[in-house]
Protein backbone atom coordinates (compact mmCIF):
# COMPACT_ATOMS: atom_id res chain seq x y z
CA MET A 1 0.00 -0.03 0.09
CA LYS A 2 2.65 2.31 1.12
CA LYS A 3 4.34 1.83 -2.74
CA LEU A 4 1.07 2.66 -4.45
CA PHE A 5 0.87 5.98 -2.23
CA LEU A 6 4.22 6.75 -3.64
CA LEU A 7 2.97 6.24 -6.69
CA LEU A 8 0.17 8.33 -7.10
CA PHE A 9 2.08 10.95 -5.31
CA LEU A 10 4.45 10.71 -8.66
CA PHE A 11 1.92 10.52 -10.96
CA GLN A 12 -0.21 13.79 -9.77
CA ASN A 13 1.75 16.58 -11.14
CA ALA A 14 2.09 14.51 -14.57
CA PHE A 15 -1.68 15.13 -15.39
CA PHE A 16 -1.31 18.97 -14.94
CA VAL A 17 1.49 19.00 -17.79
CA PHE A 18 0.21 20.94 -20.72
CA GLY A 19 1.91 20.09 -24.27
CA GLN A 20 3.15 22.76 -26.55
CA LYS A 21 2.21 22.84 -30.09
CA SER A 22 4.00 24.01 -33.24
CA ASP A 23 3.13 24.75 -36.59
CA SER A 24 6.15 24.03 -38.08
CA LEU A 25 6.87 21.26 -40.29
CA SER A 26 10.52 20.80 -39.58
CA THR A 27 12.11 18.03 -37.57
CA VAL A 28 14.16 20.34 -35.64
CA ASN A 29 12.99 21.45 -32.26
CA LYS A 30 9.61 19.92 -32.85
CA PRO A 31 7.79 19.92 -29.29
CA PHE A 32 6.48 16.60 -28.44
CA GLU A 33 3.02 17.40 -27.53
CA PHE A 34 1.22 16.11 -24.39
CA GLN A 35 -1.49 13.58 -24.79
CA TYR A 36 -3.12 11.56 -21.97
CA LYS A 37 -2.95 8.47 -24.15
CA LYS A 38 0.92 8.99 -24.06
CA LEU A 39 0.47 7.80 -20.07
CA TYR A 40 -1.07 4.39 -20.79
CA VAL A 41 2.68 2.66 -21.16
CA PRO A 42 4.72 3.98 -18.44
CA ALA A 43 1.55 4.08 -16.13
CA GLY A 44 0.79 0.41 -16.72
CA LEU A 45 4.03 -0.87 -16.52
CA MET A 46 4.16 0.69 -13.07
CA LEU A 47 1.07 -0.49 -11.67
CA THR A 48 1.81 -3.62 -12.87
CA GLY A 49 5.25 -3.60 -10.90
CA VAL A 50 3.28 -2.53 -7.73
CA PHE A 51 0.64 -4.91 -7.72
CA VAL A 52 2.97 -7.99 -8.60
CA ASP A 53 5.10 -7.09 -5.82
CA GLY A 54 3.63 -9.51 -3.40
CA ARG A 55 5.48 -10.82 -0.33
CA GLY A 56 4.13 -14.55 -0.24
CA GLU A 57 5.93 -17.47 -1.66
CA GLU A 58 3.70 -17.82 -4.48
CA SER A 59 3.89 -14.12 -5.65
CA LEU A 60 4.81 -13.79 -9.29
CA LYS A 61 7.81 -11.99 -8.27
CA ASN A 62 9.04 -14.71 -6.10
CA GLU A 63 7.89 -17.60 -8.63
CA VAL A 64 10.07 -15.77 -11.11
CA ALA A 65 12.97 -15.85 -8.93
CA GLU A 66 12.71 -19.24 -8.17
CA GLU A 67 12.87 -20.52 -11.97
CA ARG A 68 16.02 -17.83 -12.39
CA ASN A 69 17.42 -19.93 -9.44
CA GLU A 70 16.62 -23.07 -10.74
CA HIS A 71 17.77 -22.82 -14.25
CA LEU A 72 20.38 -19.81 -13.92
CA PHE A 73 21.96 -20.08 -10.55
CA GLY A 74 25.18 -19.07 -10.60
CA PHE A 75 24.91 -16.99 -13.51
CA THR A 76 26.74 -13.36 -13.54
CA ASN A 77 27.59 -11.07 -16.25
CA HIS A 78 28.41 -7.31 -16.07
CA LEU A 79 27.28 -6.43 -19.55
CA ASP A 80 24.08 -4.56 -18.20
CA ASP A 81 26.30 -2.48 -16.48
CA TYR A 82 27.65 -0.74 -19.18
CA ALA A 83 24.94 -1.80 -21.98
CA GLN A 84 22.15 0.78 -20.07
CA PHE A 85 23.94 3.68 -21.07
CA ALA A 86 24.19 2.41 -25.10
CA PRO A 87 20.98 4.35 -25.56
CA PHE A 88 22.25 8.02 -24.39
CA LEU A 89 25.10 7.53 -26.70
CA ALA A 90 22.99 6.53 -29.79
CA ILE A 91 21.20 9.95 -28.76
CA TYR A 92 24.06 12.00 -29.99
CA GLY A 93 25.81 9.07 -32.05
CA PHE A 94 23.12 8.74 -34.80
CA GLU A 95 23.23 12.36 -35.64
CA TRP A 96 27.04 12.11 -36.08
CA LEU A 97 26.03 9.16 -38.53
CA GLY A 98 23.89 11.60 -40.41
CA MET A 99 20.64 10.82 -39.12
CA THR A 100 18.18 13.80 -38.42
CA PRO A 101 17.00 13.89 -34.97
CA ARG A 102 13.98 15.93 -34.01
CA THR A 103 15.73 18.39 -31.41
CA ASP A 104 19.05 20.32 -31.89
CA TRP A 105 21.60 19.37 -29.82
CA GLN A 106 21.46 22.08 -27.27
CA ASN A 107 17.76 21.23 -26.29
CA ARG A 108 18.38 18.09 -26.37
CA SER A 109 20.96 18.11 -23.69
CA ALA A 110 18.69 20.22 -21.60
CA ILE A 111 16.03 17.44 -21.87
CA LEU A 112 18.33 14.87 -21.17
CA LEU A 113 19.77 16.72 -18.40
CA LYS A 114 16.17 17.38 -16.68
CA GLY A 115 15.12 13.90 -17.45
CA THR A 116 18.03 12.17 -15.93
CA VAL A 117 17.81 14.48 -12.85
CA LEU A 118 13.98 13.53 -12.35
CA ASN A 119 14.66 9.57 -13.23
CA LEU A 120 17.79 9.12 -10.46
CA GLY A 121 15.88 11.42 -8.34
CA MET A 122 12.82 9.07 -7.96
CA VAL A 123 14.65 5.88 -7.86
CA TYR A 124 17.04 6.93 -5.53
CA PHE A 125 14.04 8.46 -3.28
CA LEU A 126 12.11 5.14 -3.75
CA LYS A 127 15.17 2.66 -3.01
CA LYS A 128 15.71 4.68 0.41
CA THR A 129 12.25 4.86 1.49
CA LEU A 130 11.11 1.67 0.73
CA LYS A 131 14.74 -0.59 1.69
CA GLU A 132 13.55 -3.69 0.00
CA PRO A 133 16.35 -6.36 -0.26
CA ARG A 134 17.26 -7.64 -3.78
CA PRO A 135 16.66 -11.35 -4.68
CA ASP A 136 20.60 -11.86 -3.57
CA GLY A 137 19.99 -10.35 -0.22
CA THR A 138 22.04 -6.87 -0.73
CA ALA A 139 20.37 -3.43 -0.76
CA TYR A 140 18.24 -2.22 -2.36
CA SER A 141 15.84 -3.63 -4.80
CA PHE A 142 12.81 -1.41 -5.66
CA PRO A 143 12.56 0.20 -8.32
CA SER A 144 15.55 -1.02 -11.02
CA GLY A 145 17.97 2.01 -11.62
CA HIS A 146 19.25 0.04 -14.60
CA THR A 147 16.30 -0.53 -16.05
CA ALA A 148 15.00 3.00 -15.30
CA ILE A 149 17.95 4.43 -16.91
CA ALA A 150 17.84 2.28 -20.17
CA PHE A 151 14.10 2.99 -20.43
CA ALA A 152 14.76 6.62 -20.21
CA GLY A 153 17.64 6.39 -22.84
CA ALA A 154 15.53 4.31 -25.11
CA THR A 155 12.18 6.48 -24.84
CA MET A 156 14.61 9.52 -25.92
CA LEU A 157 16.05 7.58 -28.74
CA SER A 158 12.63 6.89 -29.70
CA ILE A 159 11.05 10.75 -29.74
CA GLU A 160 14.39 12.11 -31.04
CA TYR A 161 14.38 9.60 -34.34
CA GLY A 162 11.64 7.37 -34.32
CA GLU A 163 9.38 9.35 -36.35
CA ASN A 164 11.94 9.59 -39.36
CA TYR A 165 13.29 6.18 -38.42
CA LYS A 166 10.78 3.58 -38.00
CA TRP A 167 13.36 0.86 -37.04
CA VAL A 168 14.82 2.97 -34.17
CA PRO A 169 11.92 2.12 -31.33
CA TYR A 170 11.83 -1.43 -31.82
CA VAL A 171 15.98 -1.62 -31.56
CA SER A 172 15.90 0.72 -28.70
CA TYR A 173 13.18 -0.49 -26.62
CA GLY A 174 14.42 -3.97 -27.38
CA VAL A 175 18.14 -3.23 -25.91
CA ALA A 176 16.40 -1.85 -22.93
CA THR A 177 14.07 -4.68 -22.28
CA GLY A 178 17.14 -6.90 -22.66
CA ILE A 179 18.75 -5.02 -19.62
CA GLY A 180 15.81 -5.61 -17.53
CA VAL A 181 16.16 -9.32 -18.14
CA MET A 182 19.81 -9.23 -17.58
CA ARG A 183 18.96 -7.50 -14.15
CA MET A 184 16.69 -10.42 -13.18
CA ALA A 185 19.01 -13.12 -14.55
CA ASN A 186 22.03 -11.77 -12.47
CA ASN A 187 19.79 -11.99 -9.21
CA LYS A 188 19.80 -8.20 -8.53
CA HIS A 189 16.17 -7.49 -9.42
CA TYR A 190 12.58 -9.13 -9.08
CA ILE A 191 10.21 -8.62 -11.82
CA SER A 192 8.36 -5.98 -10.15
CA ASP A 193 11.24 -3.94 -9.90
CA VAL A 194 12.21 -3.93 -13.70
CA LEU A 195 8.52 -3.49 -14.38
CA PHE A 196 8.35 -0.38 -12.05
CA GLY A 197 11.61 0.82 -13.49
CA ALA A 198 10.84 0.42 -17.41
CA GLY A 199 7.66 2.76 -16.18
CA LEU A 200 9.54 5.23 -14.52
CA GLY A 201 12.08 5.75 -17.09
CA ILE A 202 9.81 6.52 -19.64
CA LEU A 203 7.63 8.69 -17.85
CA SER A 204 10.44 10.78 -16.81
CA THR A 205 11.82 11.17 -20.14
CA LYS A 206 8.43 12.07 -21.51
CA ILE A 207 7.82 14.87 -18.61
CA ALA A 208 11.13 16.39 -19.60
CA TYR A 209 10.18 16.71 -23.23
CA TRP A 210 6.52 18.01 -22.12
CA THR A 211 7.85 20.68 -19.83
CA HIS A 212 10.92 21.83 -21.99
CA GLN A 213 10.53 25.59 -23.46
CA TYR A 214 13.17 25.35 -26.26
CA LYS A 215 15.05 28.23 -25.28
CA TRP A 216 18.28 27.29 -26.21
CA ASN A 217 19.35 28.33 -29.86
CA LYS A 218 16.65 30.27 -30.52
CA PRO A 219 17.11 31.74 -34.01
CA LYS A 220 17.05 35.52 -34.03
CA SER A 221 14.06 37.48 -35.27
CA THR A 222 14.17 39.07 -38.70
CA ILE A 223 11.07 41.27 -37.84
CA ASP A 224 11.70 44.82 -37.09
CA PRO A 225 9.81 45.89 -34.06
CA PHE A 226 9.81 49.47 -35.11
CA ALA A 227 8.26 48.66 -37.94
CA GLY A 228 4.84 50.45 -38.46
CA ILE A 229 5.48 53.02 -35.85
CA VAL A 230 4.59 56.76 -36.65
CA TYR A 231 6.63 59.08 -34.62
C-alpha cells in the first residue's frame, strides 16, 4: 500500500503538464505534444510493478526468482552495467552518422539533463524509502535503476529519431528490455522492480519533453520591432 501511495504522488503532477503546439513542419525542435494516451504505457508498467510485488512465496515476483535460481543459478554478467548507457550514446551518435534528430543538441542536452535528474532522483527516493532487499539479499531492490536508465534512454532515442526512422523504437526498446531481463538473470532484481523501473524511465523522459520550453538556440527574429510605428 505504501508503494501505491508513492506511485500516486509521483503521477499527480504529470496530469497537469500541458504540451506545446507547433505549426512548423520541420523535424528540428519540434515539441513533443502532451496527450493523456502517452501516459498509458508507463502508468501500466508502474502499476503492474506495484501489484506483482507480493511478499508471499507464491507471488509472481518470487516465482520468477525461483525459476531463475533453478535454471540460472550461479549466472553472473556485467554487460548490463555498461549496456544501460547505450541508448544515451546513440542519441548523439546517430546524428553523427547522418541521421536527423527531432531536436538540436543544445535543447536535447537540456532535456536529457532534466529527465535524468527526475529519473535518478525518483529511483534514489524510492530505494531509500522502501528499503527492499534484492533477491541476492543486498540492498536496495525496488525499483531497478539500471532498467529505469535504459528505458529513459530508449524513450528519448525513440522520440528523437522514431518519427523519421521507424526501426529505432524497436531496437532501442529491445535493448532496454534485454537489460531488464539481464538484471533478473543476475539475481539483482525481481520482475516487479524491472517493470516499475521501465515505466519510471519512460515517464521521466516524457515529462522532460512535455515541460521543455525550447529556449536554447532560438533563431534571431527578422521582424523589425519598430516597423509601422509613426513618429
